[in-house]
């Protein structure tokens, strides 16, 4: 079942990248609001 671990790893990496992008956008928006 190597493909199960591969799919799980890829989906986890995608989720991390999406959350990272969302967090970065939120931080940038907060910086703009603070000004």
N, C-alpha and C. Protein backbone atom coordinates (compact mmCIF):
# COMPACT_ATOMS: atom_id res chain seq x y z
N UNK A 1 0.85 -1.21 0.00
CA UNK A 1 0.00 0.00 0.00
C UNK A 1 0.89 1.26 0.00
N UNK A 2 1.95 1.25 -0.78
CA UNK A 2 2.83 2.42 -0.83
C UNK A 2 2.09 3.63 -1.39
N UNK A 3 1.14 3.39 -2.29
CA UNK A 3 0.43 4.51 -2.91
C UNK A 3 -0.43 5.25 -1.89
N UNK A 4 -0.92 4.52 -0.86
CA UNK A 4 -1.72 5.17 0.18
C UNK A 4 -0.88 6.19 0.94
N UNK A 5 0.34 5.79 1.31
CA UNK A 5 1.24 6.70 2.01
C UNK A 5 1.63 7.87 1.09
N UNK A 6 1.82 7.58 -0.20
CA UNK A 6 2.20 8.63 -1.15
C UNK A 6 1.08 9.66 -1.29
N UNK A 7 -0.15 9.18 -1.47
CA UNK A 7 -1.30 10.09 -1.59
C UNK A 7 -1.47 10.89 -0.30
N UNK A 8 -1.30 10.22 0.85
CA UNK A 8 -1.44 10.91 2.13
C UNK A 8 -0.38 12.00 2.27
N UNK A 9 0.85 11.69 1.89
CA UNK A 9 1.94 12.67 1.98
C UNK A 9 1.71 13.85 1.04
N UNK A 10 1.28 13.57 -0.19
CA UNK A 10 1.05 14.64 -1.15
C UNK A 10 -0.10 15.53 -0.69
N UNK A 11 -1.18 14.92 -0.22
CA UNK A 11 -2.33 15.71 0.24
C UNK A 11 -1.94 16.55 1.46
N UNK A 12 -1.12 16.00 2.34
CA UNK A 12 -0.67 16.75 3.52
C UNK A 12 0.18 17.94 3.08
N UNK A 13 1.07 17.73 2.10
CA UNK A 13 1.91 18.81 1.61
C UNK A 13 1.06 19.91 0.97
N UNK A 14 0.04 19.52 0.22
CA UNK A 14 -0.84 20.50 -0.41
C UNK A 14 -1.59 21.29 0.65
N UNK A 15 -2.10 20.60 1.66
CA UNK A 15 -2.83 21.29 2.73
C UNK A 15 -1.92 22.28 3.45
N UNK A 16 -0.68 21.87 3.73
CA UNK A 16 0.26 22.76 4.41
C UNK A 16 0.55 23.98 3.57
N UNK A 17 0.75 23.79 2.26
CA UNK A 17 1.04 24.93 1.39
C UNK A 17 -0.16 25.87 1.30
N UNK A 18 -1.36 25.33 1.23
CA UNK A 18 -2.57 26.16 1.16
C UNK A 18 -2.74 26.95 2.46
N UNK A 19 -2.57 26.27 3.61
CA UNK A 19 -2.71 26.96 4.89
C UNK A 19 -1.63 28.02 5.04
N UNK A 20 -0.41 27.72 4.58
CA UNK A 20 0.68 28.68 4.66
C UNK A 20 0.36 29.91 3.82
N UNK A 21 -0.17 29.72 2.62
CA UNK A 21 -0.53 30.85 1.76
C UNK A 21 -1.65 31.66 2.39
N UNK A 22 -2.65 30.99 2.97
CA UNK A 22 -3.77 31.70 3.60
C UNK A 22 -3.27 32.50 4.80
N UNK A 23 -2.38 31.92 5.61
CA UNK A 23 -1.85 32.60 6.78
C UNK A 23 -1.04 33.82 6.35
N UNK A 24 -0.24 33.64 5.29
CA UNK A 24 0.57 34.76 4.81
C UNK A 24 -0.31 35.91 4.33
N UNK A 25 -1.36 35.58 3.58
CA UNK A 25 -2.29 36.61 3.10
C UNK A 25 -2.95 37.31 4.28
N UNK A 26 -3.34 36.56 5.30
CA UNK A 26 -3.99 37.15 6.48
C UNK A 26 -3.02 38.09 7.18
N UNK A 27 -1.76 37.69 7.29
CA UNK A 27 -0.77 38.54 7.94
C UNK A 27 -0.57 39.84 7.16
N UNK A 28 -0.49 39.73 5.83
CA UNK A 28 -0.31 40.92 4.99
C UNK A 28 -1.51 41.85 5.13
N UNK A 29 -2.71 41.27 5.17
CA UNK A 29 -3.93 42.08 5.31
C UNK A 29 -3.93 42.78 6.67
N UNK A 30 -3.49 42.09 7.71
CA UNK A 30 -3.44 42.68 9.05
C UNK A 30 -2.44 43.84 9.06
N UNK A 31 -1.33 43.68 8.35
CA UNK A 31 -0.34 44.76 8.29
C UNK A 31 -0.95 45.98 7.62
N UNK A 32 -1.68 45.75 6.53
CA UNK A 32 -2.31 46.87 5.82
C UNK A 32 -3.33 47.56 6.71
N UNK A 33 -4.09 46.79 7.48
CA UNK A 33 -5.11 47.37 8.36
C UNK A 33 -4.45 48.19 9.47
N UNK A 34 -3.29 47.75 9.96
CA UNK A 34 -2.62 48.44 11.06
C UNK A 34 -2.14 49.83 10.63
N UNK A 35 -1.83 49.99 9.36
CA UNK A 35 -1.31 51.28 8.89
C UNK A 35 -2.35 52.37 8.90
